[in-house]
Amino acid sequence: MATTVVLGAPPVAAQQPVILKVAITQQIDSLNPFLAVFQSSTEVGRLMYDYLTAYAADDQAVTEGLARSWESSADKLTWTFTVPEGKKWSDGQPITAHDVAFTYNLMLTDEAARTANGSFVTNFASVTAPDDRTVVIRTKTPQVTMLALDVPIVPRHVWEHVGSVKDHANDRMPVVGSGPFVLTEHVAGQHIKLKANKTYWRGAPKVDELHFVYFQNSDAAVQALGKGEVDLVNRMAPAQFDSLAGKDGVTRNKAQGRRFTELLINPGAQTRTGEPIGDGHPALRDVRVRRAVAQAIDLDALVQRVNLGYAEKGAGLVPPVFTQWHWKPDEAQQRRFDPAAANAALDAAGYPRRADGTRFPLRLIGRAGRAYDEQASEYLKRSMGDIGIPLDVRLVSDNQLNEATTAATYDLAFSGWATNVDPDFVLSLHTCAQRPGADGKGGTTDAYFCDETYDRLYARQLSEFDQGERVRIVHQMQARFHDQVPAVVLAYDNALEAYRSDRFARFTTQPAQGGVIMAQNGVWGYYGAEPLQRAAPAPGSRWPAFAIGAAVLVALVVTALVLARRRRATAGERE
């Protein structure tokens, strides 16, 4: 008589979560979307909070964000946006027009809430939500950037209980958001952890978790990529990028970036009310001195020696990736490298060389651990020495650099910005209104530039709906900035990235052709990351990770038991 054996269904092995680990070298200045300015912080913020509209991955054209549709009145003073049903916050609450109106009105009524993105709402007259689906924004004058409002929309049911925006860390985990990932953990200087928002309105991401791992410098980040400790790295130094050529399991990506690197020249920093701030060298208040400093820098040589050719020589505030907005100086506007002319200009400005051959010293501050700052500072020391200006170089942490430039306690400083699809934001950084308040706080000025001519041009471009005419005005603004030299745009850096292609099949770039993976005008790089396969069964498991009907009992003869044992052996070999 055959023996009957009763077997339960084999246990389903728990799959390990698919985690995308991304190296970052910049610290986080704030997780509060109203205060965050660092690129690292805004990158995380984009993953947490959607904007009213978004930029498509393929071509960066305006596409659906929280709003699905929109229309403007004939006079361009009233804009109506429709927020469809079905989109939810990560805690399950519905996203409505009231969340949008709340966010913008908070910025209109609270100065601290305007810290990071205040320029977008300065021209707003009112924002209302007559019902759950409709947002109505009325502007004081026509505003061409109404489909480029790069403002994170926050949940009203959470933020209406926040007492002080300027003191709110936004670190109660998990942080309620609308984006493809939910912030679950932040350990300053170590890591940031997010989990996939499974109810995200575009659909859940293909990875389960996204971790940003902090490294002191890009050398350490690249080494971690090589060891497989992280999956994605960007903003590499050229030599680091070259070192990964042909490395097994690693794919590189070189793209035209949307960033520029600049040298700030303190023009005599002031608050919005005209009170002096900081301790910049008084000689730099003279535009002739600033022009001489700029003329003594060989930008072509800097690109070749420091960027190793992985950049384009700087000029205006908009990188060449945004072709129509990018400004190139004509023959009359060119600032040619000419140390002799720079020396003569300094003599004429009343700063002759002393007996030791120097005129006056300047301080240069940059970021420690960033290869560009370390190498370019040595180059600038030689360049400034040629015109009698000795440099005292100090390389510090991200936060210390931010504190110094915010307080204007610098003469020269390395800085840089990522430019949006619409140039308005980067242009706004140089208006008089973006300087700090009387207490020295609350501004998002880049270089403490305040110029009536520039401000008039800025107001004109904001209301100009004729594309060709707006392009012309934007070019004029960049020419004015270039002429007054509150900063020298040194280079438009290529985006140098690499990822573990033995773990991830592809990443969505923006734009599709020749685009970037990280530091996008959106979240597509992380959201579209495609792992090669799901993680292997948990260590110690002897069963393959496929489902067998739960609680099913199967009566098998002895021969069936033998077959089952063979399957177990095969499963073990696969671990």
Protein backbone atom coordinates (compact mmCIF):
# COMPACT_ATOMS: atom_id res chain seq x y z
CA MET A 1 0.00 0.00 0.00
CA ALA A 2 1.37 3.39 -0.97
CA THR A 3 2.19 5.80 1.78
CA THR A 4 0.32 9.09 1.62
CA VAL A 5 2.24 12.21 2.69
CA VAL A 6 0.52 15.53 3.35
CA LEU A 7 2.59 18.61 2.48
CA GLY A 8 1.82 22.23 3.19
CA ALA A 9 2.57 24.90 0.62
CA PRO A 10 6.22 25.95 0.77
CA PRO A 11 6.69 29.33 2.45
CA VAL A 12 7.03 32.25 0.07
CA ALA A 13 10.44 33.81 0.52
CA ALA A 14 10.19 37.46 1.48
CA GLN A 15 11.67 39.61 -1.24
CA GLN A 16 14.29 42.09 -0.25
CA PRO A 17 13.28 45.65 -1.13
CA VAL A 18 14.87 47.09 -4.27
CA ILE A 19 16.87 50.08 -3.05
CA LEU A 20 18.40 52.74 -5.26
CA LYS A 21 21.39 54.22 -3.41
CA VAL A 22 22.55 57.62 -4.61
CA ALA A 23 25.74 59.36 -3.53
CA ILE A 24 25.59 63.05 -2.61
CA THR A 25 28.39 65.33 -1.48
CA GLN A 26 26.39 68.44 -0.65
CA GLN A 27 24.84 68.87 2.75
CA ILE A 28 21.13 69.54 3.30
CA ASP A 29 20.35 73.09 4.33
CA SER A 30 16.66 72.42 5.09
CA LEU A 31 13.89 69.89 4.51
CA ASN A 32 11.38 72.72 4.73
CA PRO A 33 10.38 73.41 1.10
CA PHE A 34 9.86 77.10 1.84
CA LEU A 35 13.43 77.49 3.09
CA ALA A 36 15.48 74.95 1.10
CA VAL A 37 17.97 76.50 -1.32
CA PHE A 38 20.77 73.93 -1.74
CA GLN A 39 20.48 71.78 -4.84
CA SER A 40 20.61 68.65 -2.68
CA SER A 41 17.66 69.90 -0.63
CA THR A 42 15.52 70.93 -3.57
CA GLU A 43 16.28 67.59 -5.24
CA VAL A 44 14.79 65.78 -2.24
CA GLY A 45 11.94 68.29 -2.12
CA ARG A 46 10.92 67.54 -5.71
CA LEU A 47 10.60 63.87 -4.79
CA MET A 48 8.34 64.74 -1.85
CA TYR A 49 6.10 67.45 -3.31
CA ASP A 50 4.67 68.00 -6.77
CA TYR A 51 4.35 71.44 -8.34
CA LEU A 52 1.20 72.83 -9.94
CA THR A 53 2.65 71.98 -13.38
CA ALA A 54 5.66 69.89 -14.38
CA TYR A 55 8.24 69.56 -17.15
CA ALA A 56 8.08 66.51 -19.41
CA ALA A 57 11.03 64.13 -19.42
CA ASP A 58 11.36 63.95 -23.19
CA ASP A 59 11.60 67.63 -24.09
CA GLN A 60 10.98 69.62 -20.88
CA ALA A 61 7.70 70.98 -22.23
CA VAL A 62 5.06 71.97 -19.68
CA THR A 63 2.95 68.98 -18.67
CA GLU A 64 0.53 67.90 -15.95
CA GLY A 65 1.53 68.39 -12.36
CA LEU A 66 -1.06 68.61 -9.60
CA ALA A 67 -3.12 70.55 -12.14
CA ARG A 68 -4.27 68.69 -15.23
CA SER A 69 -5.51 71.68 -17.22
CA TRP A 70 -5.39 75.47 -17.18
CA GLU A 71 -6.54 78.57 -19.01
CA SER A 72 -5.98 82.30 -18.82
CA SER A 73 -8.23 85.29 -19.37
CA ALA A 74 -7.78 87.39 -22.49
CA ASP A 75 -5.90 90.06 -20.52
CA LYS A 76 -3.57 87.42 -18.97
CA LEU A 77 -4.42 88.65 -15.46
CA THR A 78 -6.54 85.68 -14.34
CA TRP A 79 -5.40 82.06 -14.51
CA THR A 80 -7.65 79.12 -13.72
CA PHE A 81 -6.16 75.71 -12.94
CA THR A 82 -8.08 72.45 -12.52
CA VAL A 83 -6.92 69.88 -9.95
CA PRO A 84 -8.58 66.57 -10.86
CA GLU A 85 -10.11 64.08 -8.45
CA GLY A 86 -8.19 60.97 -7.49
CA LYS A 87 -4.81 62.40 -6.54
CA LYS A 88 -3.92 61.80 -2.90
CA TRP A 89 -1.40 62.80 -0.29
CA SER A 90 0.77 59.98 0.98
CA ASP A 91 -1.42 59.70 4.10
CA GLY A 92 -4.48 59.01 1.95
CA GLN A 93 -6.07 62.47 2.18
CA PRO A 94 -7.31 63.85 -1.18
CA ILE A 95 -5.30 66.59 -2.89
CA THR A 96 -7.54 69.55 -3.62
CA ALA A 97 -7.40 73.09 -4.94
CA HIS A 98 -7.47 74.26 -1.34
CA ASP A 99 -3.96 72.84 -0.81
CA VAL A 100 -2.68 74.89 -3.73
CA ALA A 101 -4.37 78.09 -2.57
CA PHE A 102 -3.12 77.52 0.98
CA THR A 103 0.49 77.15 -0.21
CA TYR A 104 0.50 80.32 -2.29
CA ASN A 105 -1.37 82.37 0.34
CA LEU A 106 1.09 81.23 3.00
CA MET A 107 3.87 82.62 0.83
CA LEU A 108 1.96 85.87 0.30
CA THR A 109 1.36 86.42 4.02
CA ASP A 110 4.54 85.04 5.62
CA GLU A 111 7.91 86.51 4.66
CA ALA A 112 9.74 83.38 5.79
CA ALA A 113 7.65 81.26 3.41
CA ARG A 114 8.97 83.40 0.54
CA THR A 115 12.61 82.64 1.32
CA ALA A 116 13.29 80.02 -1.35
CA ASN A 117 10.77 80.78 -4.10
CA GLY A 118 9.21 84.12 -3.24
CA SER A 119 9.86 85.66 -6.65
CA PHE A 120 7.17 83.45 -8.18
CA VAL A 121 4.34 85.01 -6.13
CA THR A 122 5.48 88.63 -5.75
CA ASN A 123 3.18 89.67 -8.60
CA PHE A 124 0.15 87.74 -7.30
CA ALA A 125 -2.89 89.84 -6.35
CA SER A 126 -4.97 86.95 -4.98
CA VAL A 127 -5.26 83.18 -4.94
CA THR A 128 -8.59 81.48 -4.25
CA ALA A 129 -10.11 78.01 -4.42
CA PRO A 130 -13.85 78.41 -5.11
CA ASP A 131 -14.23 74.63 -4.91
CA ASP A 132 -12.14 71.48 -4.44
CA ARG A 133 -11.14 71.29 -8.09
CA THR A 134 -10.50 74.93 -9.09
CA VAL A 135 -7.67 77.34 -8.33
CA VAL A 136 -7.97 80.95 -9.49
CA ILE A 137 -4.84 83.13 -9.47
CA ARG A 138 -5.10 86.83 -10.24
CA THR A 139 -1.92 88.79 -10.92
CA LYS A 140 -1.20 92.51 -10.63
CA THR A 141 0.31 92.61 -14.09
CA PRO A 142 0.52 89.93 -16.78
CA GLN A 143 2.98 87.23 -15.69
CA VAL A 144 4.51 85.01 -18.34
CA THR A 145 5.78 82.41 -15.84
CA MET A 146 2.37 81.13 -14.74
CA LEU A 147 3.08 77.69 -16.19
CA ALA A 148 6.55 77.63 -14.63
CA LEU A 149 5.75 78.16 -10.95
CA ASP A 150 8.44 75.96 -9.42
CA VAL A 151 6.87 75.98 -5.97
CA PRO A 152 6.33 72.76 -3.96
CA ILE A 153 2.66 72.47 -3.00
CA VAL A 154 2.21 71.38 0.62
CA PRO A 155 -0.76 69.65 2.32
CA ARG A 156 -3.00 72.18 4.03
CA HIS A 157 -4.17 69.68 6.66
CA VAL A 158 -0.56 69.35 7.87
CA TRP A 159 0.87 72.82 7.39
CA GLU A 160 -2.08 74.77 8.82
CA HIS A 161 -0.90 73.49 12.21
CA VAL A 162 2.67 74.75 11.74
CA GLY A 163 3.22 77.66 14.08
CA SER A 164 6.35 79.23 12.60
CA VAL A 165 7.49 78.52 9.05
CA LYS A 166 11.02 79.81 9.67
CA ASP A 167 11.45 77.45 12.64
CA HIS A 168 9.77 74.38 11.16
CA ALA A 169 12.23 71.57 10.38
CA ASN A 170 9.63 69.45 8.52
CA ASP A 171 11.14 66.28 9.94
CA ARG A 172 8.18 64.47 11.49
CA MET A 173 8.50 61.10 9.77
CA PRO A 174 7.04 59.95 7.51
CA VAL A 175 6.64 63.40 5.99
CA VAL A 176 3.29 63.73 4.21
CA GLY A 177 3.78 64.58 0.55
CA SER A 178 2.35 64.15 -2.94
CA GLY A 179 5.44 63.04 -4.85
CA PRO A 180 6.67 59.60 -5.93
CA PHE A 181 8.66 59.09 -2.73
CA VAL A 182 7.96 59.66 0.98
CA LEU A 183 10.67 60.89 3.33
CA THR A 184 11.09 58.41 6.20
CA GLU A 185 14.50 59.14 7.74
CA HIS A 186 17.17 61.83 7.79
CA VAL A 187 20.44 61.63 9.69
CA ALA A 188 22.35 64.83 9.03
CA GLY A 189 25.67 64.23 7.30
CA GLN A 190 24.94 60.53 6.85
CA HIS A 191 21.87 59.66 4.82
CA ILE A 192 18.34 60.44 3.71
CA LYS A 193 15.88 57.60 3.22
CA LEU A 194 12.66 57.67 1.23
CA LYS A 195 10.15 54.95 0.44
CA ALA A 196 8.14 54.60 -2.75
CA ASN A 197 4.71 56.23 -2.60
CA LYS A 198 2.65 53.23 -3.71
CA THR A 199 -0.41 55.41 -4.30
CA TYR A 200 1.39 58.06 -6.37
CA TRP A 201 -0.99 59.37 -9.02
CA ARG A 202 1.39 58.63 -11.90
CA GLY A 203 1.88 55.08 -10.59
CA ALA A 204 4.33 53.67 -8.06
CA PRO A 205 8.08 53.90 -8.79
CA LYS A 206 9.85 50.72 -9.87
CA VAL A 207 12.15 50.79 -6.82
CA ASP A 208 10.94 50.29 -3.27
CA GLU A 209 13.28 52.70 -1.54
CA LEU A 210 15.56 55.58 -2.46
CA HIS A 211 18.54 56.34 -0.23
CA PHE A 212 20.81 59.36 -0.54
CA VAL A 213 24.14 58.56 1.08
CA TYR A 214 26.36 61.45 2.09
CA PHE A 215 30.10 61.50 1.32
CA GLN A 216 32.66 64.10 2.32
CA ASN A 217 33.96 64.44 -1.23
CA SER A 218 33.45 63.12 -4.73
CA ASP A 219 36.54 60.89 -4.51
CA ALA A 220 34.88 58.87 -1.77
CA ALA A 221 31.60 58.79 -3.67
CA VAL A 222 33.25 57.46 -6.85
CA GLN A 223 35.14 54.82 -4.88
CA ALA A 224 31.85 53.72 -3.31
CA LEU A 225 30.31 53.38 -6.77
CA GLY A 226 33.23 51.25 -7.90
CA LYS A 227 32.78 48.95 -4.91
CA GLY A 228 29.05 48.68 -5.50
CA GLU A 229 28.16 50.47 -2.26
CA VAL A 230 26.07 53.01 -4.16
CA ASP A 231 24.30 52.85 -7.51
CA LEU A 232 24.40 56.39 -8.87
CA VAL A 233 26.84 59.30 -8.69
CA ASN A 234 26.89 62.71 -10.35
CA ARG A 235 28.94 65.93 -10.33
CA MET A 236 32.17 64.02 -10.66
CA ALA A 237 35.48 65.71 -11.37
CA PRO A 238 36.68 65.09 -14.93
CA ALA A 239 39.54 62.82 -13.81
CA GLN A 240 37.10 60.74 -11.77
CA PHE A 241 34.74 60.43 -14.72
CA ASP A 242 37.61 59.33 -16.98
CA SER A 243 38.74 56.75 -14.41
CA LEU A 244 35.44 54.87 -14.81
CA ALA A 245 35.78 54.38 -18.56
CA GLY A 246 35.46 50.67 -19.37
CA LYS A 247 34.85 49.64 -15.77
CA ASP A 248 32.78 46.45 -15.54
CA GLY A 249 29.24 46.99 -14.31
CA VAL A 250 29.41 50.78 -14.63
CA THR A 251 27.87 53.00 -17.31
CA ARG A 252 28.80 56.66 -17.65
CA ASN A 253 26.60 59.56 -18.77
CA LYS A 254 27.93 62.89 -20.02
CA ALA A 255 25.36 65.57 -20.74
CA GLN A 256 24.99 69.29 -21.17
CA GLY A 257 24.15 70.36 -17.66
CA ARG A 258 21.79 73.08 -16.52
CA ARG A 259 24.30 74.41 -14.00
CA PHE A 260 26.92 77.11 -14.09
CA THR A 261 29.88 77.74 -11.82
CA GLU A 262 30.63 81.32 -10.87
CA LEU A 263 33.02 83.47 -8.90
CA LEU A 264 31.13 85.94 -6.71
CA ILE A 265 32.73 89.38 -6.34
CA ASN A 266 31.25 91.24 -3.35
CA PRO A 267 30.00 94.52 -4.86
CA GLY A 268 29.27 96.18 -1.52
CA ALA A 269 26.47 94.09 -0.08
CA GLN A 270 23.39 95.84 1.26
CA THR A 271 19.99 94.95 2.67
CA ARG A 272 16.79 95.78 0.80
CA THR A 273 16.70 99.08 2.69
CA GLY A 274 20.24 100.01 1.62
CA GLU A 275 22.04 99.26 4.88
CA PRO A 276 25.58 97.91 4.38
CA ILE A 277 26.05 94.28 5.33
CA GLY A 278 29.09 92.05 5.58
CA ASP A 279 32.76 92.94 5.31
CA GLY A 280 33.60 92.83 1.62
CA HIS A 281 36.73 94.71 0.54
CA PRO A 282 35.77 98.32 -0.28
CA ALA A 283 37.81 98.29 -3.51
CA LEU A 284 35.32 95.82 -4.99
CA ARG A 285 32.54 98.41 -4.88
CA ASP A 286 34.25 100.02 -7.87
CA VAL A 287 33.05 98.38 -11.08
CA ARG A 288 36.43 99.14 -12.67
CA VAL A 289 38.11 96.92 -10.10
CA ARG A 290 35.60 94.13 -10.60
CA ARG A 291 36.13 94.30 -14.36
CA ALA A 292 39.89 94.13 -13.88
CA VAL A 293 39.54 91.04 -11.69
CA ALA A 294 37.43 89.40 -14.39
CA GLN A 295 39.80 90.41 -17.17
CA ALA A 296 42.70 88.73 -15.39
CA ILE A 297 41.01 85.29 -15.52
CA ASP A 298 41.70 83.16 -18.59
CA LEU A 299 38.40 81.28 -18.85
CA ASP A 300 39.55 79.16 -21.80
CA ALA A 301 42.57 77.95 -19.85
CA LEU A 302 40.42 77.34 -16.76
CA VAL A 303 38.05 75.11 -18.73
CA GLN A 304 40.94 73.13 -20.20
CA ARG A 305 43.07 72.80 -17.06
CA VAL A 306 40.44 72.41 -14.35
CA ASN A 307 37.40 71.09 -16.25
CA LEU A 308 39.65 69.09 -18.63
CA GLY A 309 37.38 70.23 -21.44
CA TYR A 310 34.20 68.90 -19.80
CA ALA A 311 32.61 72.34 -19.76
CA GLU A 312 31.93 75.37 -21.91
CA LYS A 313 33.38 78.80 -21.19
CA GLY A 314 31.03 80.96 -19.14
CA ALA A 315 29.37 84.22 -20.12
CA GLY A 316 25.71 84.81 -19.17
CA LEU A 317 23.42 83.42 -16.48
CA VAL A 318 21.65 80.82 -18.64
CA PRO A 319 23.60 77.72 -19.79
CA PRO A 320 23.68 76.79 -23.50
CA VAL A 321 21.45 73.75 -22.90
CA PHE A 322 18.59 76.30 -22.97
CA THR A 323 19.45 77.51 -26.43
CA GLN A 324 17.07 80.41 -26.91
CA TRP A 325 17.73 81.99 -23.51
CA HIS A 326 21.50 81.52 -23.61
CA TRP A 327 23.39 84.77 -24.24
CA LYS A 328 26.67 85.03 -26.11
CA PRO A 329 28.54 88.35 -25.99
CA ASP A 330 29.11 90.01 -29.35
CA GLU A 331 32.40 91.60 -30.38
CA ALA A 332 31.79 94.76 -28.38
CA GLN A 333 30.69 92.85 -25.27
CA GLN A 334 33.56 90.37 -25.21
CA ARG A 335 35.77 90.46 -22.14
CA ARG A 336 39.11 89.18 -23.35
CA PHE A 337 41.79 87.80 -21.07
CA ASP A 338 44.32 90.64 -20.80
CA PRO A 339 46.41 90.94 -17.60
CA ALA A 340 48.21 94.04 -18.93
CA ALA A 341 44.92 95.86 -19.47
CA ALA A 342 43.72 94.71 -16.04
CA ASN A 343 46.87 96.12 -14.40
CA ALA A 344 46.41 99.42 -16.22
CA ALA A 345 42.77 99.60 -15.14
CA LEU A 346 43.69 99.05 -11.49
CA ASP A 347 46.33 101.79 -11.73
CA ALA A 348 43.76 104.16 -13.24
CA ALA A 349 41.23 103.28 -10.52
CA GLY A 350 43.68 104.49 -7.86
CA TYR A 351 45.16 101.20 -6.68
CA PRO A 352 48.85 101.31 -7.67
CA ARG A 353 51.28 98.59 -6.72
CA ARG A 354 53.17 99.06 -3.47
CA ALA A 355 56.87 98.46 -2.95
CA ASP A 356 56.27 94.71 -2.52
CA GLY A 357 54.41 94.56 -5.83
CA THR A 358 50.94 94.10 -4.33
CA ARG A 359 47.93 96.38 -4.39
CA PHE A 360 45.52 94.93 -1.80
CA PRO A 361 44.71 91.39 -0.61
CA LEU A 362 41.41 89.58 -1.12
CA ARG A 363 39.84 86.56 0.53
CA LEU A 364 38.54 83.67 -1.57
CA ILE A 365 36.17 81.19 0.02
CA GLY A 366 35.12 77.87 -1.46
CA ARG A 367 33.95 74.43 -0.54
CA ALA A 368 36.28 71.84 0.95
CA GLY A 369 36.10 68.45 -0.71
CA ARG A 370 34.97 69.80 -4.06
CA ALA A 371 37.69 69.16 -6.61
CA TYR A 372 36.79 72.19 -8.72
CA ASP A 373 37.16 74.67 -5.86
CA GLU A 374 40.45 73.14 -4.78
CA GLN A 375 41.99 73.25 -8.25
CA ALA A 376 40.46 76.51 -9.48
CA SER A 377 41.53 78.36 -6.34
CA GLU A 378 45.17 77.55 -7.08
CA TYR A 379 44.73 78.78 -10.64
CA LEU A 380 43.07 82.00 -9.42
CA LYS A 381 45.86 82.63 -6.93
CA ARG A 382 48.31 82.79 -9.83
CA SER A 383 45.95 84.90 -11.96
CA MET A 384 45.31 87.44 -9.22
CA GLY A 385 49.00 87.48 -8.32
CA ASP A 386 49.71 88.68 -11.87
CA ILE A 387 47.72 91.85 -11.16
CA GLY A 388 49.10 92.41 -7.66
CA ILE A 389 46.23 90.93 -5.66
CA PRO A 390 47.31 88.18 -3.24
CA LEU A 391 44.55 85.72 -2.41
CA ASP A 392 43.89 84.19 0.99
CA VAL A 393 42.05 80.95 0.14
CA ARG A 394 39.78 79.29 2.69
CA LEU A 395 37.91 76.07 1.87
CA VAL A 396 35.06 75.23 4.24
CA SER A 397 31.94 73.06 4.57
CA ASP A 398 28.74 73.64 2.56
CA ASN A 399 26.97 75.24 5.48
CA GLN A 400 29.91 77.47 6.35
CA LEU A 401 30.15 78.60 2.74
CA ASN A 402 26.42 79.32 2.71
CA GLU A 403 26.67 81.28 5.94
CA ALA A 404 29.53 83.39 4.60
CA THR A 405 27.85 84.23 1.31
CA THR A 406 24.50 84.87 3.04
CA ALA A 407 26.14 87.25 5.52
CA ALA A 408 28.35 88.77 2.77
CA THR A 409 31.49 88.03 4.78
CA TYR A 410 33.55 87.34 1.67
CA ASP A 411 35.48 89.16 -1.03
CA LEU A 412 35.45 86.40 -3.64
CA ALA A 413 33.51 83.13 -3.38
CA PHE A 414 32.80 80.10 -5.53
CA SER A 415 29.12 79.53 -6.15
CA GLY A 416 26.79 78.16 -8.79
CA TRP A 417 23.16 77.57 -9.64
CA ALA A 418 21.00 75.12 -11.53
CA THR A 419 18.83 76.94 -14.06
CA ASN A 420 15.16 76.11 -14.59
CA VAL A 421 13.52 75.61 -17.97
CA ASP A 422 12.18 79.16 -17.72
CA PRO A 423 14.99 81.61 -16.88
CA ASP A 424 12.90 83.78 -14.57
CA PHE A 425 14.10 82.29 -11.29
CA VAL A 426 17.82 82.60 -11.93
CA LEU A 427 17.27 86.13 -13.25
CA SER A 428 15.27 87.06 -10.14
CA LEU A 429 18.20 86.20 -7.88
CA HIS A 430 19.88 89.42 -9.01
CA THR A 431 17.06 91.88 -8.41
CA CYS A 432 17.18 94.44 -5.61
CA ALA A 433 14.13 92.83 -3.96
CA GLN A 434 16.00 89.57 -3.40
CA ARG A 435 18.44 91.14 -0.98
CA PRO A 436 17.85 90.33 2.70
CA GLY A 437 15.67 92.33 5.06
CA ALA A 438 16.86 94.77 7.69
CA ASP A 439 17.90 91.90 9.97
CA GLY A 440 20.14 90.48 7.24
CA LYS A 441 17.85 87.49 6.70
CA GLY A 442 15.11 86.36 4.35
CA GLY A 443 16.70 87.06 0.96
CA THR A 444 17.78 84.69 -1.76
CA THR A 445 20.12 87.04 -3.55
CA ASP A 446 23.04 85.36 -5.25
CA ALA A 447 25.61 88.14 -5.55
CA TYR A 448 24.07 91.15 -3.77
CA PHE A 449 23.55 92.79 -7.15
CA CYS A 450 21.14 95.75 -7.18
CA ASP A 451 20.87 97.73 -10.38
CA GLU A 452 17.98 99.91 -11.60
CA THR A 453 18.58 99.08 -15.27
CA TYR A 454 18.56 95.34 -14.56
CA ASP A 455 15.41 95.62 -12.42
CA ARG A 456 13.52 97.48 -15.14
CA LEU A 457 14.46 94.80 -17.64
CA TYR A 458 13.40 92.08 -15.22
CA ALA A 459 9.93 93.61 -14.80
CA ARG A 460 9.56 93.89 -18.58
CA GLN A 461 10.46 90.28 -19.31
CA LEU A 462 8.06 89.04 -16.64
CA SER A 463 5.11 90.61 -18.47
CA GLU A 464 6.25 89.96 -22.05
CA PHE A 465 4.22 87.24 -23.79
CA ASP A 466 5.86 87.77 -27.18
CA GLN A 467 8.53 85.06 -27.08
CA GLY A 468 10.96 86.77 -29.42
CA GLU A 469 10.79 90.06 -27.55
CA ARG A 470 11.17 88.32 -24.19
CA VAL A 471 14.26 86.49 -25.43
CA ARG A 472 15.75 89.83 -26.47
CA ILE A 473 15.11 91.35 -23.02
CA VAL A 474 16.55 88.31 -21.22
CA HIS A 475 19.70 88.65 -23.33
CA GLN A 476 19.91 92.34 -22.40
CA MET A 477 19.70 91.43 -18.71
CA GLN A 478 22.57 88.97 -19.00
CA ALA A 479 24.65 91.55 -20.88
CA ARG A 480 24.03 94.07 -18.08
CA PHE A 481 25.03 91.55 -15.41
CA HIS A 482 28.16 90.69 -17.39
CA ASP A 483 29.09 94.36 -17.70
CA GLN A 484 28.59 95.21 -14.00
CA VAL A 485 30.43 92.06 -12.81
CA PRO A 486 28.92 91.20 -9.41
CA ALA A 487 30.10 87.71 -10.41
CA VAL A 488 32.04 86.04 -13.19
CA VAL A 489 30.30 83.04 -14.77
CA LEU A 490 33.33 80.76 -15.09
CA ALA A 491 31.92 77.73 -16.87
CA TYR A 492 28.85 75.74 -17.83
CA ASP A 493 29.77 72.34 -16.45
CA ASN A 494 28.93 69.12 -18.25
CA ALA A 495 26.91 66.76 -16.08
CA LEU A 496 29.28 63.85 -15.38
CA GLU A 497 27.34 60.89 -14.00
CA ALA A 498 27.72 57.14 -13.65
CA TYR A 499 25.56 54.27 -12.46
CA ARG A 500 25.77 50.55 -11.72
CA SER A 501 24.46 49.04 -14.93
CA ASP A 502 24.84 45.59 -13.41
CA ARG A 503 21.95 46.54 -11.12
CA PHE A 504 19.90 49.04 -13.09
CA ALA A 505 18.92 48.58 -16.72
CA ARG A 506 18.23 52.23 -17.42
CA PHE A 507 17.42 55.64 -16.02
CA THR A 508 15.12 58.21 -17.59
CA THR A 509 17.11 61.22 -18.74
CA GLN A 510 15.79 64.75 -19.18
CA PRO A 511 15.69 65.65 -22.01
CA ALA A 512 15.53 62.25 -23.67
CA GLN A 513 18.43 62.94 -26.01
CA GLY A 514 21.68 63.80 -24.23
CA GLY A 515 19.96 64.59 -20.95
CA VAL A 516 20.84 64.23 -17.28
CA ILE A 517 19.81 61.60 -14.73
CA MET A 518 20.20 63.65 -11.56
CA ALA A 519 19.57 67.36 -10.95
CA GLN A 520 16.67 67.42 -13.42
CA ASN A 521 13.80 69.84 -13.71
CA GLY A 522 11.71 67.02 -12.31
CA VAL A 523 11.96 63.56 -10.75
CA TRP A 524 12.10 61.35 -13.83
CA GLY A 525 15.62 60.01 -13.23
CA TYR A 526 14.70 58.44 -9.90
CA TYR A 527 11.07 57.75 -10.70
CA GLY A 528 11.96 55.96 -13.94
CA ALA A 529 14.89 53.93 -12.58
CA GLU A 530 14.51 50.34 -13.80
CA PRO A 531 16.24 47.63 -11.74
CA LEU A 532 17.61 44.69 -13.72
CA GLN A 533 15.64 42.30 -11.56
CA ARG A 534 14.02 42.04 -8.17
CA ALA A 535 16.28 41.23 -5.26
CA ALA A 536 17.26 37.59 -4.62
CA PRO A 537 15.44 35.53 -1.97
CA ALA A 538 16.25 36.40 1.60
CA PRO A 539 19.43 34.77 2.97
CA GLY A 540 18.70 31.35 4.46
CA SER A 541 15.55 30.79 2.43
CA ARG A 542 15.44 27.46 0.55
CA TRP A 543 12.34 28.25 -1.49
CA PRO A 544 12.20 30.23 -4.71
CA ALA A 545 10.24 33.46 -4.53
CA PHE A 546 7.09 32.50 -6.37
CA ALA A 547 3.62 32.20 -4.91
CA ILE A 548 2.02 28.83 -4.26
CA GLY A 549 -1.64 28.89 -3.20
CA ALA A 550 -1.80 29.72 0.47
CA ALA A 551 -2.94 27.06 2.94
CA VAL A 552 -3.39 24.47 0.18
CA LEU A 553 -2.73 20.90 1.32
CA VAL A 554 -1.72 18.40 -1.32
CA ALA A 555 -1.80 14.65 -0.84
CA LEU A 556 1.10 13.06 -2.64
CA VAL A 557 2.48 9.62 -2.90
CA VAL A 558 6.04 8.87 -1.94
CA THR A 559 7.26 9.51 -5.46
CA ALA A 560 5.86 13.04 -5.27
CA LEU A 561 7.87 13.62 -2.12
CA VAL A 562 11.02 12.71 -4.01
CA LEU A 563 10.21 15.27 -6.68
CA ALA A 564 9.54 17.90 -4.06
CA ARG A 565 12.91 17.22 -2.47
CA ARG A 566 14.57 17.66 -5.84
CA ARG A 567 12.90 21.05 -6.18
CA ARG A 568 14.20 22.06 -2.77
CA ALA A 569 17.71 21.11 -3.79
CA THR A 570 17.42 23.12 -6.98
CA ALA A 571 16.13 26.11 -5.06
CA GLY A 572 19.09 25.88 -2.74
CA GLU A 573 21.53 25.92 -5.63
CA ARG A 574 20.02 29.17 -6.85
CA GLU A 575 20.73 31.16 -3.67
